[in-house]
PDB file of all heavy atoms in Angstrom:
ATOM      1  N   ASN A   1      62.021 -32.091  50.653  1.00  0.00           N
ATOM      2  CA  ASN A   1      62.980 -31.232  49.955  1.00  0.00           C
ATOM      3  C   ASN A   1      62.490 -31.051  48.518  1.00  0.00           C
ATOM      4  O   ASN A   1      62.342 -32.029  47.787  1.00  0.00           O
ATOM      5  CB  ASN A   1      64.378 -31.856  49.964  1.00  0.00           C
ATOM      6  CG  ASN A   1      64.942 -31.977  51.353  1.00  0.00           C
ATOM      7  OD1 ASN A   1      64.811 -31.070  52.156  1.00  0.00           O
ATOM      8  ND2 ASN A   1      65.567 -33.105  51.653  1.00  0.00           N
ATOM      9  N   ILE A   2      62.239 -29.821  48.127  1.00  0.00           N
ATOM     10  CA  ILE A   2      61.625 -29.548  46.833  1.00  0.00           C
ATOM     11  C   ILE A   2      62.629 -28.886  45.889  1.00  0.00           C
ATOM     12  O   ILE A   2      63.253 -27.875  46.255  1.00  0.00           O
ATOM     13  CB  ILE A   2      60.383 -28.640  46.994  1.00  0.00           C
ATOM     14  CG1 ILE A   2      59.358 -29.304  47.921  1.00  0.00           C
ATOM     15  CG2 ILE A   2      59.764 -28.329  45.642  1.00  0.00           C
ATOM     16  CD1 ILE A   2      58.148 -28.435  48.226  1.00  0.00           C
ATOM     17  N   ASP A   3      62.791 -29.459  44.707  1.00  0.00           N
ATOM     18  CA  ASP A   3      63.615 -28.869  43.646  1.00  0.00           C
ATOM     19  C   ASP A   3      62.688 -28.414  42.526  1.00  0.00           C
ATOM     20  O   ASP A   3      61.898 -29.213  42.002  1.00  0.00           O
ATOM     21  CB  ASP A   3      64.624 -29.889  43.102  1.00  0.00           C
ATOM     22  CG  ASP A   3      65.686 -30.247  44.126  1.00  0.00           C
ATOM     23  OD1 ASP A   3      66.004 -29.382  44.960  1.00  0.00           O
ATOM     24  OD2 ASP A   3      66.183 -31.388  44.105  1.00  0.00           O
ATOM     25  N   ILE A   4      62.791 -27.146  42.161  1.00  0.00           N
ATOM     26  CA  ILE A   4      61.946 -26.585  41.105  1.00  0.00           C
ATOM     27  C   ILE A   4      62.743 -26.506  39.814  1.00  0.00           C
ATOM     28  O   ILE A   4      63.897 -26.070  39.808  1.00  0.00           O
ATOM     29  CB  ILE A   4      61.446 -25.171  41.481  1.00  0.00           C
ATOM     30  CG1 ILE A   4      60.758 -25.179  42.843  1.00  0.00           C
ATOM     31  CG2 ILE A   4      60.509 -24.636  40.414  1.00  0.00           C
ATOM     32  CD1 ILE A   4      59.436 -25.865  42.884  1.00  0.00           C
ATOM     33  N   MET A   5      62.136 -26.919  38.705  1.00  0.00           N
ATOM     34  CA  MET A   5      62.791 -26.821  37.402  1.00  0.00           C
ATOM     35  C   MET A   5      61.744 -26.624  36.313  1.00  0.00           C
ATOM     36  O   MET A   5      60.568 -26.964  36.490  1.00  0.00           O
ATOM     37  CB  MET A   5      63.619 -28.082  37.123  1.00  0.00           C
ATOM     38  CG  MET A   5      62.822 -29.367  37.022  1.00  0.00           C
ATOM     39  SD  MET A   5      63.882 -30.818  36.864  1.00  0.00           S
ATOM     40  CE  MET A   5      64.467 -30.977  38.548  1.00  0.00           C
ATOM     41  N   THR A   6      62.226 -26.076  35.189  1.00  0.00           N
ATOM     42  CA  THR A   6      61.332 -25.903  34.041  1.00  0.00           C
ATOM     43  C   THR A   6      61.289 -27.204  33.241  1.00  0.00           C
ATOM     44  O   THR A   6      62.070 -28.131  33.476  1.00  0.00           O
ATOM     45  CB  THR A   6      61.824 -24.769  33.144  1.00  0.00           C
ATOM     46  OG1 THR A   6      63.117 -25.112  32.614  1.00  0.00           O
ATOM     47  CG2 THR A   6      61.927 -23.467  33.922  1.00  0.00           C
ATOM     48  N   GLU A   7      60.379 -27.236  32.265  1.00  0.00           N
ATOM     49  CA  GLU A   7      60.272 -28.419  31.405  1.00  0.00           C
ATOM     50  C   GLU A   7      61.576 -28.657  30.661  1.00  0.00           C
ATOM     51  O   GLU A   7      62.022 -29.802  30.507  1.00  0.00           O
ATOM     52  CB  GLU A   7      59.118 -28.236  30.414  1.00  0.00           C
ATOM     53  CG  GLU A   7      57.744 -28.221  31.076  1.00  0.00           C
ATOM     54  CD  GLU A   7      56.642 -27.948  30.082  1.00  0.00           C
ATOM     55  OE1 GLU A   7      56.477 -26.771  29.709  1.00  0.00           O
ATOM     56  OE2 GLU A   7      55.941 -28.904  29.683  1.00  0.00           O
ATOM     57  N   GLU A   8      62.191 -27.579  30.196  1.00  0.00           N
ATOM     58  CA  GLU A   8      63.455 -27.700  29.462  1.00  0.00           C
ATOM     59  C   GLU A   8      64.557 -28.241  30.364  1.00  0.00           C
ATOM     60  O   GLU A   8      65.328 -29.123  29.963  1.00  0.00           O
ATOM     61  CB  GLU A   8      63.851 -26.337  28.891  1.00  0.00           C
ATOM     62  CG  GLU A   8      65.129 -26.359  28.058  1.00  0.00           C
ATOM     63  CD  GLU A   8      65.508 -24.999  27.526  1.00  0.00           C
ATOM     64  OE1 GLU A   8      64.664 -24.077  27.581  1.00  0.00           O
ATOM     65  OE2 GLU A   8      66.649 -24.844  27.063  1.00  0.00           O
ATOM     66  N   GLN A   9      64.645 -27.715  31.593  1.00  0.00           N
ATOM     67  CA  GLN A   9      65.655 -28.186  32.538  1.00  0.00           C
ATOM     68  C   GLN A   9      65.408 -29.640  32.916  1.00  0.00           C
ATOM     69  O   GLN A   9      66.360 -30.419  33.040  1.00  0.00           O
ATOM     70  CB  GLN A   9      65.632 -27.312  33.800  1.00  0.00           C
ATOM     71  CG  GLN A   9      66.117 -25.896  33.584  1.00  0.00           C
ATOM     72  CD  GLN A   9      65.869 -25.015  34.796  1.00  0.00           C
ATOM     73  OE1 GLN A   9      64.939 -25.255  35.573  1.00  0.00           O
ATOM     74  NE2 GLN A   9      66.688 -23.987  34.967  1.00  0.00           N
ATOM     75  N   GLU A  10      64.149 -30.009  33.079  1.00  0.00           N
ATOM     76  CA  GLU A  10      63.819 -31.382  33.437  1.00  0.00           C
ATOM     77  C   GLU A  10      64.176 -32.344  32.309  1.00  0.00           C
ATOM     78  O   GLU A  10      64.727 -33.425  32.545  1.00  0.00           O
ATOM     79  CB  GLU A  10      62.322 -31.472  33.742  1.00  0.00           C
ATOM     80  CG  GLU A  10      61.906 -32.755  34.450  1.00  0.00           C
ATOM     81  CD  GLU A  10      61.231 -33.744  33.543  1.00  0.00           C
ATOM     82  OE1 GLU A  10      60.898 -33.356  32.419  1.00  0.00           O
ATOM     83  OE2 GLU A  10      61.044 -34.907  33.953  1.00  0.00           O
ATOM     84  N   ALA A  11      63.891 -31.938  31.055  1.00  0.00           N
ATOM     85  CA  ALA A  11      64.224 -32.779  29.909  1.00  0.00           C
ATOM     86  C   ALA A  11      65.737 -32.959  29.797  1.00  0.00           C
ATOM     87  O   ALA A  11      66.227 -34.069  29.525  1.00  0.00           O
ATOM     88  CB  ALA A  11      63.673 -32.152  28.635  1.00  0.00           C
ATOM     89  N   LYS A  12      66.484 -31.887  30.047  1.00  0.00           N
ATOM     90  CA  LYS A  12      67.948 -31.963  29.981  1.00  0.00           C
ATOM     91  C   LYS A  12      68.488 -32.878  31.069  1.00  0.00           C
ATOM     92  O   LYS A  12      69.390 -33.695  30.832  1.00  0.00           O
ATOM     93  CB  LYS A  12      68.536 -30.557  30.125  1.00  0.00           C
ATOM     94  CG  LYS A  12      70.047 -30.503  29.999  1.00  0.00           C
ATOM     95  CD  LYS A  12      70.563 -29.072  30.143  1.00  0.00           C
ATOM     96  CE  LYS A  12      72.084 -29.033  30.037  1.00  0.00           C
ATOM     97  NZ  LYS A  12      72.600 -27.636  30.207  1.00  0.00           N
ATOM     98  N   LEU A  13      67.911 -32.763  32.285  1.00  0.00           N
ATOM     99  CA  LEU A  13      68.357 -33.594  33.408  1.00  0.00           C
ATOM    100  C   LEU A  13      68.080 -35.066  33.138  1.00  0.00           C
ATOM    101  O   LEU A  13      68.952 -35.923  33.363  1.00  0.00           O
ATOM    102  CB  LEU A  13      67.635 -33.154  34.687  1.00  0.00           C
ATOM    103  CG  LEU A  13      67.934 -33.966  35.958  1.00  0.00           C
ATOM    104  CD1 LEU A  13      69.395 -33.843  36.334  1.00  0.00           C
ATOM    105  CD2 LEU A  13      67.035 -33.515  37.108  1.00  0.00           C
ATOM    106  N   ARG A  14      66.875 -35.358  32.643  1.00  0.00           N
ATOM    107  CA  ARG A  14      66.534 -36.753  32.359  1.00  0.00           C
ATOM    108  C   ARG A  14      67.424 -37.316  31.259  1.00  0.00           C
ATOM    109  O   ARG A  14      67.822 -38.489  31.307  1.00  0.00           O
ATOM    110  CB  ARG A  14      65.062 -36.876  31.947  1.00  0.00           C
ATOM    111  CG  ARG A  14      64.065 -36.383  32.989  1.00  0.00           C
ATOM    112  CD  ARG A  14      64.254 -37.052  34.342  1.00  0.00           C
ATOM    113  NE  ARG A  14      63.408 -36.442  35.354  1.00  0.00           N
ATOM    114  CZ  ARG A  14      63.685 -36.383  36.630  1.00  0.00           C
ATOM    115  NH1 ARG A  14      64.819 -36.918  37.080  1.00  0.00           N
ATOM    116  NH2 ARG A  14      62.870 -35.809  37.485  1.00  0.00           N
ATOM    117  N   THR A  15      67.748 -36.483  30.266  1.00  0.00           N
ATOM    118  CA  THR A  15      68.624 -36.937  29.180  1.00  0.00           C
ATOM    119  C   THR A  15      70.014 -37.262  29.707  1.00  0.00           C
ATOM    120  O   THR A  15      70.613 -38.276  29.337  1.00  0.00           O
ATOM    121  CB  THR A  15      68.711 -35.853  28.082  1.00  0.00           C
ATOM    122  OG1 THR A  15      67.402 -35.605  27.560  1.00  0.00           O
ATOM    123  CG2 THR A  15      69.628 -36.291  26.955  1.00  0.00           C
ATOM    124  N   GLU A  16      70.517 -36.403  30.587  1.00  0.00           N
ATOM    125  CA  GLU A  16      71.848 -36.649  31.164  1.00  0.00           C
ATOM    126  C   GLU A  16      71.852 -37.928  31.988  1.00  0.00           C
ATOM    127  O   GLU A  16      72.803 -38.718  31.929  1.00  0.00           O
ATOM    128  CB  GLU A  16      72.259 -35.454  32.028  1.00  0.00           C
ATOM    129  CG  GLU A  16      72.569 -34.190  31.224  1.00  0.00           C
ATOM    130  CD  GLU A  16      72.868 -33.009  32.124  1.00  0.00           C
ATOM    131  OE1 GLU A  16      72.702 -33.144  33.361  1.00  0.00           O
ATOM    132  OE2 GLU A  16      73.263 -31.952  31.601  1.00  0.00           O
ATOM    133  N   GLU A  17      70.786 -38.144  32.782  1.00  0.00           N
ATOM    134  CA  GLU A  17      70.709 -39.360  33.580  1.00  0.00           C
ATOM    135  C   GLU A  17      70.607 -40.596  32.685  1.00  0.00           C
ATOM    136  O   GLU A  17      71.245 -41.621  32.948  1.00  0.00           O
ATOM    137  CB  GLU A  17      69.488 -39.295  34.511  1.00  0.00           C
ATOM    138  CG  GLU A  17      69.613 -38.264  35.624  1.00  0.00           C
ATOM    139  CD  GLU A  17      68.357 -38.192  36.468  1.00  0.00           C
ATOM    140  OE1 GLU A  17      67.336 -38.814  36.066  1.00  0.00           O
ATOM    141  OE2 GLU A  17      68.382 -37.530  37.525  1.00  0.00           O
ATOM    142  N   TYR A  18      69.817 -40.477  31.619  1.00  0.00           N
ATOM    143  CA  TYR A  18      69.641 -41.587  30.675  1.00  0.00           C
ATOM    144  C   TYR A  18      70.965 -41.933  29.990  1.00  0.00           C
ATOM    145  O   TYR A  18      71.348 -43.103  29.909  1.00  0.00           O
ATOM    146  CB  TYR A  18      68.578 -41.197  29.647  1.00  0.00           C
ATOM    147  CG  TYR A  18      68.382 -42.181  28.524  1.00  0.00           C
ATOM    148  CD1 TYR A  18      67.705 -43.376  28.732  1.00  0.00           C
ATOM    149  CD2 TYR A  18      68.879 -41.916  27.246  1.00  0.00           C
ATOM    150  CE1 TYR A  18      67.511 -44.282  27.698  1.00  0.00           C
ATOM    151  CE2 TYR A  18      68.711 -42.815  26.205  1.00  0.00           C
ATOM    152  CZ  TYR A  18      68.021 -43.991  26.438  1.00  0.00           C
ATOM    153  OH  TYR A  18      67.835 -44.888  25.417  1.00  0.00           O
ATOM    154  N   ASN A  19      71.683 -40.916  29.556  1.00  0.00           N
ATOM    155  CA  ASN A  19      72.975 -41.145  28.889  1.00  0.00           C
ATOM    156  C   ASN A  19      73.995 -41.725  29.859  1.00  0.00           C
ATOM    157  O   ASN A  19      74.801 -42.589  29.490  1.00  0.00           O
ATOM    158  CB  ASN A  19      73.501 -39.837  28.300  1.00  0.00           C
ATOM    159  CG  ASN A  19      72.664 -39.337  27.131  1.00  0.00           C
ATOM    160  OD1 ASN A  19      71.975 -40.133  26.485  1.00  0.00           O
ATOM    161  ND2 ASN A  19      72.717 -38.045  26.854  1.00  0.00           N
ATOM    162  N   SER A  20      73.957 -41.253  31.113  1.00  0.00           N
ATOM    163  CA  SER A  20      74.897 -41.753  32.114  1.00  0.00           C
ATOM    164  C   SER A  20      74.651 -43.232  32.396  1.00  0.00           C
ATOM    165  O   SER A  20      75.596 -44.032  32.480  1.00  0.00           O
ATOM    166  CB  SER A  20      74.756 -40.930  33.401  1.00  0.00           C
ATOM    167  OG  SER A  20      75.559 -41.451  34.431  1.00  0.00           O
ATOM    168  N   ARG A  21      73.374 -43.622  32.548  1.00  0.00           N
ATOM    169  CA  ARG A  21      73.055 -45.025  32.796  1.00  0.00           C
ATOM    170  C   ARG A  21      73.388 -45.892  31.580  1.00  0.00           C
ATOM    171  O   ARG A  21      73.861 -47.024  31.729  1.00  0.00           O
ATOM    172  CB  ARG A  21      71.570 -45.171  33.164  1.00  0.00           C
ATOM    173  CG  ARG A  21      71.200 -44.556  34.496  1.00  0.00           C
ATOM    174  CD  ARG A  21      69.882 -45.120  35.019  1.00  0.00           C
ATOM    175  NE  ARG A  21      68.789 -44.897  34.095  1.00  0.00           N
ATOM    176  CZ  ARG A  21      67.999 -43.845  34.096  1.00  0.00           C
ATOM    177  NH1 ARG A  21      68.209 -42.880  34.985  1.00  0.00           N
ATOM    178  NH2 ARG A  21      67.008 -43.728  33.227  1.00  0.00           N
ATOM    179  N   THR A  22      73.140 -45.363  30.401  1.00  0.00           N
ATOM    180  CA  THR A  22      73.463 -46.104  29.173  1.00  0.00           C
ATOM    181  C   THR A  22      74.946 -46.405  29.110  1.00  0.00           C
ATOM    182  O   THR A  22      75.364 -47.539  28.824  1.00  0.00           O
ATOM    183  CB  THR A  22      73.044 -45.294  27.928  1.00  0.00           C
ATOM    184  OG1 THR A  22      71.622 -45.110  27.945  1.00  0.00           O
ATOM    185  CG2 THR A  22      73.426 -46.020  26.651  1.00  0.00           C
ATOM    186  N   GLN A  23      75.763 -45.405  29.403  1.00  0.00           N
ATOM    187  CA  GLN A  23      77.216 -45.593  29.361  1.00  0.00           C
ATOM    188  C   GLN A  23      77.672 -46.584  30.437  1.00  0.00           C
ATOM    189  O   GLN A  23      78.564 -47.405  30.223  1.00  0.00           O
ATOM    190  CB  GLN A  23      77.919 -44.247  29.547  1.00  0.00           C
ATOM    191  CG  GLN A  23      79.408 -44.261  29.251  1.00  0.00           C
ATOM    192  CD  GLN A  23      79.712 -44.633  27.816  1.00  0.00           C
ATOM    193  OE1 GLN A  23      79.128 -44.078  26.878  1.00  0.00           O
ATOM    194  NE2 GLN A  23      80.614 -45.589  27.616  1.00  0.00           N
ATOM    195  N   LEU A  24      77.021 -46.514  31.614  1.00  0.00           N
ATOM    196  CA  LEU A  24      77.355 -47.440  32.699  1.00  0.00           C
ATOM    197  C   LEU A  24      77.112 -48.877  32.276  1.00  0.00           C
ATOM    198  O   LEU A  24      77.977 -49.751  32.473  1.00  0.00           O
ATOM    199  CB  LEU A  24      76.507 -47.105  33.928  1.00  0.00           C
ATOM    200  CG  LEU A  24      76.524 -48.136  35.080  1.00  0.00           C
ATOM    201  CD1 LEU A  24      77.917 -48.231  35.691  1.00  0.00           C
ATOM    202  CD2 LEU A  24      75.479 -47.797  36.145  1.00  0.00           C
ATOM    203  N   PHE A  25      75.953 -49.161  31.661  1.00  0.00           N
ATOM    204  CA  PHE A  25      75.628 -50.526  31.249  1.00  0.00           C
ATOM    205  C   PHE A  25      76.534 -50.994  30.107  1.00  0.00           C
ATOM    206  O   PHE A  25      76.925 -52.165  30.059  1.00  0.00           O
ATOM    207  CB  PHE A  25      74.162 -50.621  30.835  1.00  0.00           C
ATOM    208  CG  PHE A  25      73.197 -50.387  31.985  1.00  0.00           C
ATOM    209  CD1 PHE A  25      71.997 -49.699  31.799  1.00  0.00           C
ATOM    210  CD2 PHE A  25      73.486 -50.845  33.263  1.00  0.00           C
ATOM    211  CE1 PHE A  25      71.127 -49.491  32.849  1.00  0.00           C
ATOM    212  CE2 PHE A  25      72.624 -50.645  34.311  1.00  0.00           C
ATOM    213  CZ  PHE A  25      71.432 -49.957  34.113  1.00  0.00           C
ATOM    214  N   MET A  26      76.904 -50.085  29.210  1.00  0.00           N
ATOM    215  CA  MET A  26      77.803 -50.455  28.109  1.00  0.00           C
ATOM    216  C   MET A  26      79.167 -50.889  28.652  1.00  0.00           C
ATOM    217  O   MET A  26      79.738 -51.898  28.217  1.00  0.00           O
ATOM    218  CB  MET A  26      77.974 -49.279  27.146  1.00  0.00           C
ATOM    219  CG  MET A  26      76.729 -48.974  26.302  1.00  0.00           C
ATOM    220  SD  MET A  26      76.904 -47.470  25.316  1.00  0.00           S
ATOM    221  CE  MET A  26      78.306 -47.916  24.261  1.00  0.00           C
ATOM    222  N   ASN A  27      79.675 -50.139  29.635  1.00  0.00           N
ATOM    223  CA  ASN A  27      81.007 -50.443  30.177  1.00  0.00           C
ATOM    224  C   ASN A  27      80.985 -51.669  31.088  1.00  0.00           C
ATOM    225  O   ASN A  27      81.885 -52.520  31.032  1.00  0.00           O
ATOM    226  CB  ASN A  27      81.532 -49.238  30.969  1.00  0.00           C
ATOM    227  CG  ASN A  27      81.762 -48.020  30.094  1.00  0.00           C
ATOM    228  OD1 ASN A  27      81.961 -48.160  28.871  1.00  0.00           O
ATOM    229  ND2 ASN A  27      81.734 -46.840  30.680  1.00  0.00           N
TER     230      ASN A  27
END
């Protein structure tokens, strides 16, 4: 299953995942 994204979209996705995990560990 292939998902195509641009560099900007990939950076935004990784940032959202990073922030989500950060908040999970804080709580």
